[in-house]
C-alpha atoms as a PDB file:
ATOM      1  CA  UNK A   1      -3.348  78.505 -18.515  1.00  0.00           C
ATOM      2  CA  UNK A   2      -7.144  78.408 -18.367  1.00  0.00           C
ATOM      3  CA  UNK A   3      -7.100  76.837 -21.773  1.00  0.00           C
ATOM      4  CA  UNK A   4      -5.196  73.870 -20.384  1.00  0.00           C
ATOM      5  CA  UNK A   5      -7.666  73.667 -17.438  1.00  0.00           C
ATOM      6  CA  UNK A   6     -10.575  73.524 -19.681  1.00  0.00           C
ATOM      7  CA  UNK A   7      -8.961  70.985 -21.940  1.00  0.00           C
ATOM      8  CA  UNK A   8      -7.738  68.455 -19.303  1.00  0.00           C
ATOM      9  CA  UNK A   9      -9.417  69.480 -16.019  1.00  0.00           C
ATOM     10  CA  UNK A  10      -6.267  68.317 -14.116  1.00  0.00           C
ATOM     11  CA  UNK A  11      -2.767  69.341 -13.585  1.00  0.00           C
ATOM     12  CA  UNK A  12      -1.801  65.848 -14.484  1.00  0.00           C
ATOM     13  CA  UNK A  13      -1.552  66.381 -18.324  1.00  0.00           C
ATOM     14  CA  UNK A  14       0.780  66.277 -21.248  1.00  0.00           C
ATOM     15  CA  UNK A  15       1.546  70.147 -21.043  1.00  0.00           C
ATOM     16  CA  UNK A  16       2.939  70.153 -17.557  1.00  0.00           C
ATOM     17  CA  UNK A  17       4.240  66.617 -16.938  1.00  0.00           C
ATOM     18  CA  UNK A  18       7.861  66.016 -16.779  1.00  0.00           C
ATOM     19  CA  UNK A  19       8.071  62.292 -17.177  1.00  0.00           C
ATOM     20  CA  UNK A  20      11.661  61.697 -16.562  1.00  0.00           C
ATOM     21  CA  UNK A  21      11.892  63.808 -13.459  1.00  0.00           C
ATOM     22  CA  UNK A  22       8.687  61.936 -12.091  1.00  0.00           C
ATOM     23  CA  UNK A  23      10.206  58.516 -12.629  1.00  0.00           C
ATOM     24  CA  UNK A  24      13.342  59.653 -10.941  1.00  0.00           C
ATOM     25  CA  UNK A  25      11.961  61.435  -7.960  1.00  0.00           C
ATOM     26  CA  UNK A  26       8.813  59.378  -7.272  1.00  0.00           C
ATOM     27  CA  UNK A  27      10.406  57.245  -4.581  1.00  0.00           C
ATOM     28  CA  UNK A  28      10.431  59.718  -1.782  1.00  0.00           C
ATOM     29  CA  UNK A  29       8.053  62.462  -0.474  1.00  0.00           C
ATOM     30  CA  UNK A  30      10.294  65.020  -2.523  1.00  0.00           C
ATOM     31  CA  UNK A  31       8.004  64.258  -5.359  1.00  0.00           C
ATOM     32  CA  UNK A  32       4.928  65.130  -3.291  1.00  0.00           C
ATOM     33  CA  UNK A  33       3.652  68.714  -3.739  1.00  0.00           C
ATOM     34  CA  UNK A  34       0.566  69.756  -1.836  1.00  0.00           C
ATOM     35  CA  UNK A  35      -1.718  72.478  -3.200  1.00  0.00           C
ATOM     36  CA  UNK A  36      -4.229  74.612  -1.290  1.00  0.00           C
ATOM     37  CA  UNK A  37      -7.699  73.774  -2.251  1.00  0.00           C
ATOM     38  CA  UNK A  38     -10.107  76.614  -2.431  1.00  0.00           C
ATOM     39  CA  UNK A  39     -13.220  75.495  -0.480  1.00  0.00           C
ATOM     40  CA  UNK A  40     -16.117  76.560  -2.825  1.00  0.00           C
ATOM     41  CA  UNK A  41     -19.549  75.649  -3.838  1.00  0.00           C
ATOM     42  CA  UNK A  42     -20.084  72.904  -6.600  1.00  0.00           C
ATOM     43  CA  UNK A  43     -21.804  75.365  -9.051  1.00  0.00           C
ATOM     44  CA  UNK A  44     -20.922  76.503 -12.398  1.00  0.00           C
ATOM     45  CA  UNK A  45     -20.279  80.260 -13.231  1.00  0.00           C
ATOM     46  CA  UNK A  46     -21.309  82.153 -16.254  1.00  0.00           C
ATOM     47  CA  UNK A  47     -18.530  80.653 -18.319  1.00  0.00           C
ATOM     48  CA  UNK A  48     -19.617  77.163 -17.522  1.00  0.00           C
ATOM     49  CA  UNK A  49     -16.552  76.322 -15.578  1.00  0.00           C
ATOM     50  CA  UNK A  50     -16.396  75.306 -12.074  1.00  0.00           C
ATOM     51  CA  UNK A  51     -15.291  78.009  -9.456  1.00  0.00           C
ATOM     52  CA  UNK A  52     -12.061  76.357  -8.218  1.00  0.00           C
ATOM     53  CA  UNK A  53      -8.942  75.521 -10.287  1.00  0.00           C
ATOM     54  CA  UNK A  54      -8.582  72.094 -11.794  1.00  0.00           C
ATOM     55  CA  UNK A  55     -12.090  71.128 -10.769  1.00  0.00           C
ATOM     56  CA  UNK A  56     -11.935  67.718 -12.301  1.00  0.00           C
ATOM     57  CA  UNK A  57      -9.176  66.551 -10.319  1.00  0.00           C
ATOM     58  CA  UNK A  58     -10.532  68.078  -7.023  1.00  0.00           C
ATOM     59  CA  UNK A  59     -14.121  66.687  -7.063  1.00  0.00           C
ATOM     60  CA  UNK A  60     -12.981  64.182  -4.477  1.00  0.00           C
ATOM     61  CA  UNK A  61     -11.741  67.095  -2.299  1.00  0.00           C
ATOM     62  CA  UNK A  62     -15.339  67.892  -1.402  1.00  0.00           C
ATOM     63  CA  UNK A  63     -17.361  71.249  -1.515  1.00  0.00           C
ATOM     64  CA  UNK A  64     -20.405  72.813  -0.095  1.00  0.00           C
ATOM     65  CA  UNK A  65     -23.780  72.759  -1.875  1.00  0.00           C
ATOM     66  CA  UNK A  66     -25.827  75.537  -0.188  1.00  0.00           C
ATOM     67  CA  UNK A  67     -24.599  78.622  -1.757  1.00  0.00           C
ATOM     68  CA  UNK A  68     -27.319  81.040  -0.676  1.00  0.00           C
ATOM     69  CA  UNK A  69     -26.379  80.893   3.034  1.00  0.00           C
ATOM     70  CA  UNK A  70     -22.826  79.504   2.727  1.00  0.00           C
ATOM     71  CA  UNK A  71     -23.946  76.431   4.917  1.00  0.00           C
ATOM     72  CA  UNK A  72     -20.843  74.401   5.392  1.00  0.00           C
ATOM     73  CA  UNK A  73     -22.477  71.758   7.685  1.00  0.00           C
ATOM     74  CA  UNK A  74     -22.590  69.272   4.802  1.00  0.00           C
ATOM     75  CA  UNK A  75     -19.230  69.794   3.360  1.00  0.00           C
ATOM     76  CA  UNK A  76     -16.608  67.150   3.781  1.00  0.00           C
ATOM     77  CA  UNK A  77     -13.609  65.499   1.833  1.00  0.00           C
ATOM     78  CA  UNK A  78     -14.858  62.774  -0.345  1.00  0.00           C
ATOM     79  CA  UNK A  79     -11.504  60.709  -0.230  1.00  0.00           C
ATOM     80  CA  UNK A  80      -8.047  61.129   1.224  1.00  0.00           C
ATOM     81  CA  UNK A  81      -4.677  59.360   1.487  1.00  0.00           C
ATOM     82  CA  UNK A  82      -4.425  56.429   4.145  1.00  0.00           C
ATOM     83  CA  UNK A  83      -0.892  55.650   5.063  1.00  0.00           C
ATOM     84  CA  UNK A  84       0.432  51.970   5.750  1.00  0.00           C
ATOM     85  CA  UNK A  85      -1.095  50.721   8.970  1.00  0.00           C
ATOM     86  CA  UNK A  86      -2.133  47.636  10.707  1.00  0.00           C
ATOM     87  CA  UNK A  87      -4.604  49.576  12.829  1.00  0.00           C
ATOM     88  CA  UNK A  88      -8.170  48.490  11.725  1.00  0.00           C
ATOM     89  CA  UNK A  89      -9.805  51.678  13.093  1.00  0.00           C
ATOM     90  CA  UNK A  90      -7.482  53.590  10.417  1.00  0.00           C
ATOM     91  CA  UNK A  91      -8.552  51.117   7.669  1.00  0.00           C
ATOM     92  CA  UNK A  92     -12.112  51.590   8.497  1.00  0.00           C
ATOM     93  CA  UNK A  93     -11.762  55.090   7.199  1.00  0.00           C
ATOM     94  CA  UNK A  94     -12.385  53.656   3.720  1.00  0.00           C
ATOM     95  CA  UNK A  95     -16.099  53.210   4.887  1.00  0.00           C
ATOM     96  CA  UNK A  96     -16.290  56.976   5.104  1.00  0.00           C
ATOM     97  CA  UNK A  97     -15.054  57.737   1.643  1.00  0.00           C
ATOM     98  CA  UNK A  98     -17.405  58.625  -1.199  1.00  0.00           C
ATOM     99  CA  UNK A  99     -15.520  58.645  -4.379  1.00  0.00           C
ATOM    100  CA  UNK A 100     -17.050  60.981  -6.833  1.00  0.00           C
ATOM    101  CA  UNK A 101     -15.426  59.978 -10.109  1.00  0.00           C
ATOM    102  CA  UNK A 102     -12.939  61.151 -12.703  1.00  0.00           C
ATOM    103  CA  UNK A 103     -10.486  58.204 -12.663  1.00  0.00           C
ATOM    104  CA  UNK A 104      -6.785  58.794 -13.011  1.00  0.00           C
ATOM    105  CA  UNK A 105      -5.106  55.655 -12.243  1.00  0.00           C
ATOM    106  CA  UNK A 106      -1.474  56.330 -13.005  1.00  0.00           C
ATOM    107  CA  UNK A 107      -1.579  59.339 -10.765  1.00  0.00           C
ATOM    108  CA  UNK A 108      -2.874  57.337  -7.889  1.00  0.00           C
ATOM    109  CA  UNK A 109      -0.269  54.598  -8.491  1.00  0.00           C
ATOM    110  CA  UNK A 110       2.645  57.063  -8.617  1.00  0.00           C
ATOM    111  CA  UNK A 111       1.443  58.649  -5.334  1.00  0.00           C
ATOM    112  CA  UNK A 112       1.511  55.291  -3.708  1.00  0.00           C
ATOM    113  CA  UNK A 113       5.162  54.691  -4.440  1.00  0.00           C
ATOM    114  CA  UNK A 114       6.689  57.000  -1.542  1.00  0.00           C
ATOM    115  CA  UNK A 115       4.041  55.503   0.768  1.00  0.00           C
ATOM    116  CA  UNK A 116       5.128  51.946   0.014  1.00  0.00           C
ATOM    117  CA  UNK A 117       8.729  52.945   0.555  1.00  0.00           C
ATOM    118  CA  UNK A 118       8.037  53.397   4.138  1.00  0.00           C
ATOM    119  CA  UNK A 119       7.114  49.782   4.611  1.00  0.00           C
ATOM    120  CA  UNK A 120       9.476  47.292   6.200  1.00  0.00           C
ATOM    121  CA  UNK A 121       7.919  44.121   4.700  1.00  0.00           C
ATOM    122  CA  UNK A 122      10.048  42.225   2.142  1.00  0.00           C
ATOM    123  CA  UNK A 123       6.992  41.762  -0.024  1.00  0.00           C
ATOM    124  CA  UNK A 124       5.388  44.943  -1.482  1.00  0.00           C
ATOM    125  CA  UNK A 125       2.170  44.519  -3.302  1.00  0.00           C
ATOM    126  CA  UNK A 126       0.556  47.210  -5.258  1.00  0.00           C
ATOM    127  CA  UNK A 127      -3.203  46.462  -6.078  1.00  0.00           C
ATOM    128  CA  UNK A 128      -4.899  48.763  -8.517  1.00  0.00           C
ATOM    129  CA  UNK A 129      -8.732  48.577  -8.373  1.00  0.00           C
ATOM    130  CA  UNK A 130     -10.897  50.576 -10.781  1.00  0.00           C
ATOM    131  CA  UNK A 131     -14.203  50.834 -12.234  1.00  0.00           C
ATOM    132  CA  UNK A 132     -13.154  52.621 -15.430  1.00  0.00           C
ATOM    133  CA  UNK A 133     -10.427  54.113 -17.533  1.00  0.00           C
ATOM    134  CA  UNK A 134      -8.752  57.477 -17.056  1.00  0.00           C
ATOM    135  CA  UNK A 135     -11.195  60.224 -18.148  1.00  0.00           C
ATOM    136  CA  UNK A 136      -8.718  62.910 -17.275  1.00  0.00           C
ATOM    137  CA  UNK A 137      -4.937  62.421 -17.994  1.00  0.00           C
ATOM    138  CA  UNK A 138      -5.583  59.481 -20.054  1.00  0.00           C
ATOM    139  CA  UNK A 139      -2.667  60.363 -22.542  1.00  0.00           C
ATOM    140  CA  UNK A 140      -0.274  60.683 -19.391  1.00  0.00           C
ATOM    141  CA  UNK A 141      -1.288  57.161 -18.306  1.00  0.00           C
ATOM    142  CA  UNK A 142      -0.744  55.863 -21.862  1.00  0.00           C
ATOM    143  CA  UNK A 143       2.632  57.411 -22.159  1.00  0.00           C
ATOM    144  CA  UNK A 144       3.788  56.333 -18.603  1.00  0.00           C
ATOM    145  CA  UNK A 145       2.739  52.666 -19.288  1.00  0.00           C
ATOM    146  CA  UNK A 146       3.820  52.268 -22.860  1.00  0.00           C
ATOM    147  CA  UNK A 147       6.598  54.830 -23.544  1.00  0.00           C
ATOM    148  CA  UNK A 148       8.297  55.059 -20.189  1.00  0.00           C
ATOM    149  CA  UNK A 149       7.591  51.521 -18.703  1.00  0.00           C
ATOM    150  CA  UNK A 150       6.262  53.028 -15.406  1.00  0.00           C
ATOM    151  CA  UNK A 151       5.472  49.713 -13.631  1.00  0.00           C
ATOM    152  CA  UNK A 152       8.957  48.083 -14.432  1.00  0.00           C
ATOM    153  CA  UNK A 153      10.654  51.345 -13.190  1.00  0.00           C
ATOM    154  CA  UNK A 154       8.502  51.202  -9.973  1.00  0.00           C
ATOM    155  CA  UNK A 155       9.310  47.561  -9.303  1.00  0.00           C
ATOM    156  CA  UNK A 156      13.035  47.998  -9.979  1.00  0.00           C
ATOM    157  CA  UNK A 157      13.256  51.180  -7.972  1.00  0.00           C
ATOM    158  CA  UNK A 158      11.273  50.067  -5.005  1.00  0.00           C
ATOM    159  CA  UNK A 159      13.414  46.904  -4.823  1.00  0.00           C
ATOM    160  CA  UNK A 160      16.778  48.883  -5.213  1.00  0.00           C
ATOM    161  CA  UNK A 161      15.948  51.925  -2.979  1.00  0.00           C
ATOM    162  CA  UNK A 162      14.030  50.303  -0.022  1.00  0.00           C
ATOM    163  CA  UNK A 163      17.267  49.091   1.712  1.00  0.00           C
ATOM    164  CA  UNK A 164      15.493  45.749   2.469  1.00  0.00           C
ATOM    165  CA  UNK A 165      17.336  42.899   0.960  1.00  0.00           C
ATOM    166  CA  UNK A 166      15.482  40.489  -1.300  1.00  0.00           C
ATOM    167  CA  UNK A 167      12.639  42.740  -1.728  1.00  0.00           C
ATOM    168  CA  UNK A 168       9.896  41.288  -3.836  1.00  0.00           C
ATOM    169  CA  UNK A 169       7.562  43.780  -5.553  1.00  0.00           C
ATOM    170  CA  UNK A 170       4.365  42.724  -7.313  1.00  0.00           C
ATOM    171  CA  UNK A 171       1.388  44.601  -8.971  1.00  0.00           C
ATOM    172  CA  UNK A 172      -2.090  43.636  -9.660  1.00  0.00           C
ATOM    173  CA  UNK A 173      -4.840  45.226 -11.586  1.00  0.00           C
ATOM    174  CA  UNK A 174      -8.538  44.471 -10.732  1.00  0.00           C
ATOM    175  CA  UNK A 175     -11.321  45.806 -12.799  1.00  0.00           C
ATOM    176  CA  UNK A 176     -14.649  45.786 -10.982  1.00  0.00           C
ATOM    177  CA  UNK A 177     -16.527  46.114 -14.381  1.00  0.00           C
ATOM    178  CA  UNK A 178     -16.420  43.901 -17.435  1.00  0.00           C
ATOM    179  CA  UNK A 179     -13.816  45.858 -19.178  1.00  0.00           C
ATOM    180  CA  UNK A 180     -11.595  43.334 -21.186  1.00  0.00           C
ATOM    181  CA  UNK A 181      -9.832  45.888 -23.236  1.00  0.00           C
ATOM    182  CA  UNK A 182      -8.550  47.797 -20.104  1.00  0.00           C
ATOM    183  CA  UNK A 183      -7.750  44.658 -18.186  1.00  0.00           C
ATOM    184  CA  UNK A 184      -5.637  43.531 -21.230  1.00  0.00           C
ATOM    185  CA  UNK A 185      -3.892  46.868 -21.513  1.00  0.00           C
ATOM    186  CA  UNK A 186      -2.684  46.803 -17.863  1.00  0.00           C
ATOM    187  CA  UNK A 187      -1.738  43.195 -18.338  1.00  0.00           C
ATOM    188  CA  UNK A 188       0.303  43.907 -21.441  1.00  0.00           C
ATOM    189  CA  UNK A 189       1.993  47.060 -20.139  1.00  0.00           C
ATOM    190  CA  UNK A 190       2.078  46.672 -16.277  1.00  0.00           C
ATOM    191  CA  UNK A 191       1.052  43.744 -14.128  1.00  0.00           C
ATOM    192  CA  UNK A 192       1.298  40.625 -16.521  1.00  0.00           C
ATOM    193  CA  UNK A 193      -1.608  38.454 -17.767  1.00  0.00           C
ATOM    194  CA  UNK A 194      -1.662  36.470 -14.454  1.00  0.00           C
ATOM    195  CA  UNK A 195      -2.123  39.450 -12.335  1.00  0.00           C
ATOM    196  CA  UNK A 196      -4.806  41.292 -14.417  1.00  0.00           C
ATOM    197  CA  UNK A 197      -8.143  40.410 -12.954  1.00  0.00           C
ATOM    198  CA  UNK A 198     -11.868  41.116 -13.316  1.00  0.00           C
ATOM    199  CA  UNK A 199     -14.082  41.035 -10.242  1.00  0.00           C
ATOM    200  CA  UNK A 200     -17.576  42.318 -10.776  1.00  0.00           C
ATOM    201  CA  UNK A 201     -19.070  41.546  -7.486  1.00  0.00           C
ATOM    202  CA  UNK A 202     -18.224  42.380  -3.861  1.00  0.00           C
ATOM    203  CA  UNK A 203     -17.739  38.684  -2.985  1.00  0.00           C
ATOM    204  CA  UNK A 204     -15.587  38.177  -5.973  1.00  0.00           C
ATOM    205  CA  UNK A 205     -13.431  41.174  -5.145  1.00  0.00           C
ATOM    206  CA  UNK A 206     -12.908  40.179  -1.553  1.00  0.00           C
ATOM    207  CA  UNK A 207     -12.049  36.605  -2.640  1.00  0.00           C
ATOM    208  CA  UNK A 208      -9.343  38.028  -5.134  1.00  0.00           C
ATOM    209  CA  UNK A 209      -7.850  40.198  -2.537  1.00  0.00           C
ATOM    210  CA  UNK A 210      -7.768  37.406   0.047  1.00  0.00           C
ATOM    211  CA  UNK A 211      -5.951  35.283  -2.661  1.00  0.00           C
ATOM    212  CA  UNK A 212      -3.365  37.766  -3.111  1.00  0.00           C
ATOM    213  CA  UNK A 213      -2.711  38.186   0.652  1.00  0.00           C
ATOM    214  CA  UNK A 214      -2.662  34.430   1.114  1.00  0.00           C
ATOM    215  CA  UNK A 215       0.072  34.049  -1.402  1.00  0.00           C
ATOM    216  CA  UNK A 216       2.282  35.820   1.102  1.00  0.00           C
ATOM    217  CA  UNK A 217       1.355  33.983   4.371  1.00  0.00           C
ATOM    218  CA  UNK A 218       0.211  30.719   3.029  1.00  0.00           C
ATOM    219  CA  UNK A 219      -3.047  31.042   4.977  1.00  0.00           C
ATOM    220  CA  UNK A 220      -5.692  33.835   5.399  1.00  0.00           C
ATOM    221  CA  UNK A 221      -8.411  33.497   7.906  1.00  0.00           C
ATOM    222  CA  UNK A 222     -11.877  34.307   7.000  1.00  0.00           C
END
């Protein structure tokens, strides 16, 4: 198993992924498995591997840096799941997150599906915002998008299983870097050309998101 850890750095890889089962079960929390995370230092051992399993996928889980005295005072999670909410104080948690890297877009998209299923709004909008392509689990994302048509399965499944009549499901992909190839890939295999965007400044990104939200209400106050 260590070989697969070293090769992929993530549990989300070709060797262990059951594509069909994921597509079938992703609409409820039955598909969510929580793994204990070893709280360890961010250092390398003599074998040049990090001291926790699947270190690449767990960088955002946080760690402690001061190994000599086991000082945990500066340790904290880098990012975490925020459920659907209209409470601005909960949304403000995004300000405290410090994403460390190792993009894995399809994993995040799939994890968002059972969260979206809890919503009561007829319009359900997935907005994928990324500064790069998958650098772990890339083959899995490619397979899900091109071979298994992940986005179509999500749109159809959410509409059918939500229990809300006339459910409208939309997906957007926004790249915050100039990455025409990645934008085109998501346009061709997921969101469609009209919903694949590039916003390389904070102002452009906010304007894009406001535009998506205004499409629902007809008006969005600044």
